[in-house]
Amino acid sequence: MRVDWLEPDWPANAGVRALSTVRFGGISLAPYASLNLGDHVGDDPAAVAENRRRLVVAAGLPAEPVWLAQVHGTTVADLDATPAITADAAFTRQPGRVCAILTADCLPVLLTEESGGVVAAAHAGWRGLAGGVIEATVRAVGEPPGRLMAWLGPAIGPDHFEVGAEVREAMLREDPRASGAFTLNARGRFMADLGALARRRLEALGVSRIYGNGQCTYTDADRYFSHRRDGTTGRQATLIWLEHAPT
């Protein structure tokens, strides 16, 4: 089975390329089957390396993606200044550098400026959202928010993301009106909508052109890894890069 991926449906500049992988097309064995791209989840390192190689070839990437060490924080890596860093977001203005985010339920967020001068990717789980990873990424990009557009990739959907009251409280501290993204369930806990929370953060910054967020990693076991569903599992990747300088 060939390596496959989803491409964002958004009106990005022609020089901007992006994709979000699905789980088939690699050589990893269960529970990482098959295109696991995460090297930190217990999979055979040789299998991960081959999966990454296959992705580079199949997608015609201009370079190996810059794989971040993600820690659910708010650090944003400037890929034009440093080749690798512990961070949960990255951006570049240079063609040929590939920003990469690994997820298995958390929300990948892509950003680009309307003329195609910069691209960014952020790893937005609830901790990152509460901590301000989206705000930090928009600041790091350094463009007027009105000129930015965002794409929200595959993530766990609101019907399956159960959290405790402490998560809701953490989100509401910075955005009291975000209560609408939480629904009380019969267990006395809350079902959270990551996509809605991210949209609120983006819109508050002035980013109004927001696309995507139509795929649930928990529901679609054939296409996506899901930590909440499976526990030990692989990671899919969401990538963005500049194919050439803006025209």
Protein backbone atom coordinates (compact mmCIF):
# COMPACT_ATOMS: atom_id res chain seq x y z
CA MET A 1 0.00 0.00 0.00
CA ARG A 2 1.43 3.38 -0.99
CA VAL A 3 2.14 6.29 1.29
CA ASP A 4 -0.86 8.63 1.28
CA TRP A 5 -1.88 11.91 2.83
CA LEU A 6 -4.51 14.62 3.08
CA GLU A 7 -3.84 18.04 1.56
CA PRO A 8 -5.38 21.18 3.07
CA ASP A 9 -8.31 22.69 1.23
CA TRP A 10 -7.44 26.34 1.70
CA PRO A 11 -6.60 29.30 -0.57
CA ALA A 12 -2.90 29.38 0.26
CA ASN A 13 -0.36 30.95 -2.10
CA ALA A 14 0.80 28.64 -4.88
CA GLY A 15 4.29 28.50 -3.37
CA VAL A 16 2.98 26.96 -0.13
CA ARG A 17 2.80 23.17 0.15
CA ALA A 18 1.27 21.21 2.99
CA LEU A 19 0.07 17.72 3.82
CA SER A 20 -1.11 15.57 6.70
CA THR A 21 -0.24 11.88 6.60
CA VAL A 22 -2.48 8.89 7.21
CA ARG A 23 -1.31 5.72 8.89
CA PHE A 24 -0.78 3.36 5.96
CA GLY A 25 2.11 2.94 3.54
CA GLY A 26 4.91 2.18 5.99
CA ILE A 27 6.63 -0.90 7.44
CA SER A 28 5.98 -0.58 11.18
CA LEU A 29 4.28 -3.52 12.87
CA ALA A 30 1.33 -3.39 15.25
CA PRO A 31 0.57 -1.44 17.36
CA TYR A 32 2.42 1.10 15.19
CA ALA A 33 1.19 -0.18 11.84
CA SER A 34 2.13 1.05 9.47
CA LEU A 35 3.39 4.57 8.63
CA ASN A 36 4.42 5.56 12.14
CA LEU A 37 6.58 8.68 11.92
CA GLY A 38 7.24 9.16 15.64
CA ASP A 39 10.61 8.01 16.98
CA HIS A 40 9.63 8.44 20.64
CA VAL A 41 6.79 5.93 21.02
CA GLY A 42 8.67 2.61 21.31
CA ASP A 43 8.67 1.59 17.65
CA ASP A 44 11.70 0.01 15.95
CA PRO A 45 13.99 2.97 15.05
CA ALA A 46 14.87 1.33 11.72
CA ALA A 47 11.19 1.11 10.81
CA VAL A 48 10.61 4.77 11.71
CA ALA A 49 13.62 5.81 9.63
CA GLU A 50 12.31 3.86 6.64
CA ASN A 51 8.83 5.31 7.07
CA ARG A 52 10.28 8.82 7.10
CA ARG A 53 12.36 8.04 4.02
CA ARG A 54 9.28 6.77 2.20
CA LEU A 55 7.39 9.94 3.04
CA VAL A 56 10.18 12.17 1.75
CA VAL A 57 10.31 10.25 -1.54
CA ALA A 58 6.57 9.83 -2.06
CA ALA A 59 5.73 13.46 -1.30
CA GLY A 60 8.72 14.84 -3.16
CA LEU A 61 9.82 16.80 -0.12
CA PRO A 62 12.66 19.25 -0.71
CA ALA A 63 14.41 18.09 2.47
CA GLU A 64 13.98 15.90 5.52
CA PRO A 65 11.34 17.50 7.76
CA VAL A 66 12.65 19.13 10.91
CA TRP A 67 11.33 16.72 13.55
CA LEU A 68 10.82 18.61 16.81
CA ALA A 69 11.03 17.15 20.29
CA GLN A 70 7.48 18.07 21.36
CA VAL A 71 6.68 18.58 25.04
CA HIS A 72 3.16 20.12 25.03
CA GLY A 73 4.70 23.56 25.57
CA THR A 74 4.70 26.91 23.79
CA THR A 75 8.24 27.25 22.44
CA VAL A 76 8.36 28.16 18.74
CA ALA A 77 11.42 27.14 16.70
CA ASP A 78 12.76 29.50 14.04
CA LEU A 79 13.99 26.95 11.50
CA ASP A 80 15.97 29.64 9.71
CA ALA A 81 18.09 30.12 12.84
CA THR A 82 18.41 26.63 14.34
CA PRO A 83 18.17 23.16 12.75
CA ALA A 84 16.51 21.37 15.66
CA ILE A 85 15.05 22.24 19.03
CA THR A 86 12.69 21.12 21.76
CA ALA A 87 9.57 22.99 20.72
CA ASP A 88 5.89 22.59 19.88
CA ALA A 89 5.78 24.89 16.88
CA ALA A 90 8.07 25.97 14.07
CA PHE A 91 8.17 28.51 11.28
CA THR A 92 10.32 29.36 8.27
CA ARG A 93 10.63 31.97 5.55
CA GLN A 94 13.10 29.97 3.51
CA PRO A 95 12.01 27.70 0.63
CA GLY A 96 12.95 24.08 1.11
CA ARG A 97 12.69 23.90 4.90
CA VAL A 98 9.90 21.61 6.08
CA CYS A 99 8.02 22.31 9.33
CA ALA A 100 6.65 19.13 10.90
CA ILE A 101 4.26 18.35 13.76
CA LEU A 102 3.57 14.83 15.07
CA THR A 103 0.15 14.01 16.52
CA ALA A 104 -2.10 11.14 17.55
CA ASP A 105 -5.16 13.12 18.78
CA CYS A 106 -3.73 16.60 19.44
CA LEU A 107 -4.58 19.27 16.92
CA PRO A 108 -2.03 20.25 14.24
CA VAL A 109 -2.39 23.90 13.24
CA LEU A 110 -0.84 25.27 10.05
CA LEU A 111 -0.39 28.96 9.32
CA THR A 112 0.67 30.91 6.26
CA GLU A 113 0.66 34.52 5.18
CA GLU A 114 -1.47 35.37 2.15
CA SER A 115 1.49 36.22 -0.11
CA GLY A 116 3.30 33.01 0.85
CA GLY A 117 6.22 34.66 2.62
CA VAL A 118 6.16 32.49 5.74
CA VAL A 119 4.73 29.18 6.94
CA ALA A 120 4.32 27.71 10.41
CA ALA A 121 3.05 24.59 12.16
CA ALA A 122 1.93 24.21 15.78
CA HIS A 123 1.15 21.23 18.03
CA ALA A 124 -2.01 22.16 19.92
CA GLY A 125 -3.20 19.74 22.55
CA TRP A 126 -5.17 21.14 25.46
CA ARG A 127 -2.01 21.97 27.41
CA GLY A 128 -0.53 23.84 24.48
CA LEU A 129 -3.77 25.68 23.81
CA ALA A 130 -4.14 26.67 27.45
CA GLY A 131 -0.51 27.75 27.60
CA GLY A 132 -0.77 29.89 24.47
CA VAL A 133 1.04 27.95 21.75
CA ILE A 134 -1.17 29.49 19.04
CA GLU A 135 -0.56 33.00 20.34
CA ALA A 136 3.19 32.32 20.56
CA THR A 137 3.26 31.03 16.99
CA VAL A 138 1.40 34.01 15.59
CA ARG A 139 3.77 36.36 17.44
CA ALA A 140 6.82 34.49 16.17
CA VAL A 141 5.61 34.61 12.57
CA GLY A 142 5.55 38.38 12.91
CA GLU A 143 2.88 39.12 10.30
CA PRO A 144 -0.35 41.08 10.79
CA PRO A 145 -2.95 38.48 11.85
CA GLY A 146 -5.37 39.78 9.23
CA ARG A 147 -2.93 38.59 6.55
CA LEU A 148 -2.69 35.07 7.99
CA MET A 149 -4.79 32.00 7.30
CA ALA A 150 -4.93 28.79 9.30
CA TRP A 151 -5.71 25.15 8.65
CA LEU A 152 -6.71 22.77 11.43
CA GLY A 153 -5.69 19.18 10.76
CA PRO A 154 -6.99 15.79 11.94
CA ALA A 155 -7.53 15.58 15.71
CA ILE A 156 -9.74 13.87 18.25
CA GLY A 157 -13.33 15.04 17.84
CA PRO A 158 -15.61 16.53 20.50
CA ASP A 159 -17.61 13.31 20.84
CA HIS A 160 -14.53 11.44 22.12
CA PHE A 161 -12.29 13.93 23.94
CA GLU A 162 -13.30 13.55 27.58
CA VAL A 163 -11.51 15.80 30.09
CA GLY A 164 -11.78 16.73 33.73
CA ALA A 165 -12.93 19.99 35.24
CA GLU A 166 -9.31 21.08 35.65
CA VAL A 167 -8.85 21.16 31.87
CA ARG A 168 -11.97 23.25 31.39
CA GLU A 169 -10.85 25.63 34.13
CA ALA A 170 -7.40 25.99 32.56
CA MET A 171 -8.94 26.94 29.22
CA LEU A 172 -11.47 29.34 30.74
CA ARG A 173 -8.84 31.27 32.71
CA GLU A 174 -7.67 32.97 29.53
CA ASP A 175 -10.97 32.80 27.67
CA PRO A 176 -14.02 32.74 29.99
CA ARG A 177 -16.39 32.52 27.01
CA ALA A 178 -14.83 29.24 25.87
CA SER A 179 -17.32 27.34 28.04
CA GLY A 180 -19.32 26.63 24.88
CA ALA A 181 -16.55 24.28 23.72
CA PHE A 182 -17.25 21.97 26.68
CA THR A 183 -20.28 19.73 27.24
CA LEU A 184 -20.97 18.09 30.58
CA ASN A 185 -21.41 14.32 30.23
CA ALA A 186 -23.19 11.69 32.33
CA ARG A 187 -19.93 10.88 34.15
CA GLY A 188 -19.65 14.40 35.52
CA ARG A 189 -16.75 15.15 33.19
CA PHE A 190 -16.59 17.24 30.04
CA MET A 191 -16.40 16.57 26.31
CA ALA A 192 -14.04 19.14 24.81
CA ASP A 193 -13.91 20.51 21.28
CA LEU A 194 -10.24 21.16 20.44
CA GLY A 195 -11.11 22.63 17.06
CA ALA A 196 -13.54 25.15 18.55
CA LEU A 197 -11.01 26.13 21.22
CA ALA A 198 -8.31 26.71 18.59
CA ARG A 199 -10.69 28.73 16.43
CA ARG A 200 -11.53 30.98 19.36
CA ARG A 201 -7.84 31.60 20.02
CA LEU A 202 -7.12 32.37 16.38
CA GLU A 203 -10.12 34.66 15.98
CA ALA A 204 -9.22 36.56 19.15
CA LEU A 205 -5.83 37.28 17.58
CA GLY A 206 -7.46 38.54 14.39
CA VAL A 207 -6.95 35.43 12.24
CA SER A 208 -10.35 35.07 10.59
CA ARG A 209 -9.59 32.76 7.67
CA ILE A 210 -9.67 29.33 9.29
CA TYR A 211 -10.12 26.06 7.40
CA GLY A 212 -10.12 22.31 8.04
CA ASN A 213 -10.86 20.38 11.24
CA GLY A 214 -13.13 17.82 9.60
CA GLN A 215 -11.34 14.56 10.48
CA CYS A 216 -11.56 12.75 13.83
CA THR A 217 -8.51 10.65 14.66
CA TYR A 218 -10.39 8.64 17.30
CA THR A 219 -13.26 7.64 15.02
CA ASP A 220 -11.28 6.76 11.89
CA ALA A 221 -9.05 3.90 13.03
CA ASP A 222 -8.26 2.85 9.46
CA ARG A 223 -6.63 6.19 8.63
CA TYR A 224 -5.36 7.68 11.87
CA PHE A 225 -3.40 6.85 14.98
CA SER A 226 -5.20 7.79 18.21
CA HIS A 227 -3.59 7.70 21.65
CA ARG A 228 -6.95 8.01 23.40
CA ARG A 229 -8.35 5.08 21.45
CA ASP A 230 -5.37 2.72 21.42
CA GLY A 231 -2.89 3.78 24.10
CA THR A 232 0.40 2.58 22.60
CA THR A 233 0.31 3.70 18.98
CA GLY A 234 2.12 5.59 16.24
CA ARG A 235 2.10 9.21 15.14
CA GLN A 236 0.99 10.90 11.94
CA ALA A 237 2.70 14.04 10.67
CA THR A 238 1.42 17.37 9.42
CA LEU A 239 3.93 19.23 7.25
CA ILE A 240 4.18 22.65 5.64
CA TRP A 241 6.91 24.23 3.55
CA LEU A 242 7.62 26.86 0.94
CA GLU A 243 8.22 25.35 -2.46
CA HIS A 244 9.65 28.60 -3.82
CA ALA A 245 9.95 32.23 -2.85
CA PRO A 246 6.73 34.30 -3.07
CA THR A 247 6.02 35.99 -6.38
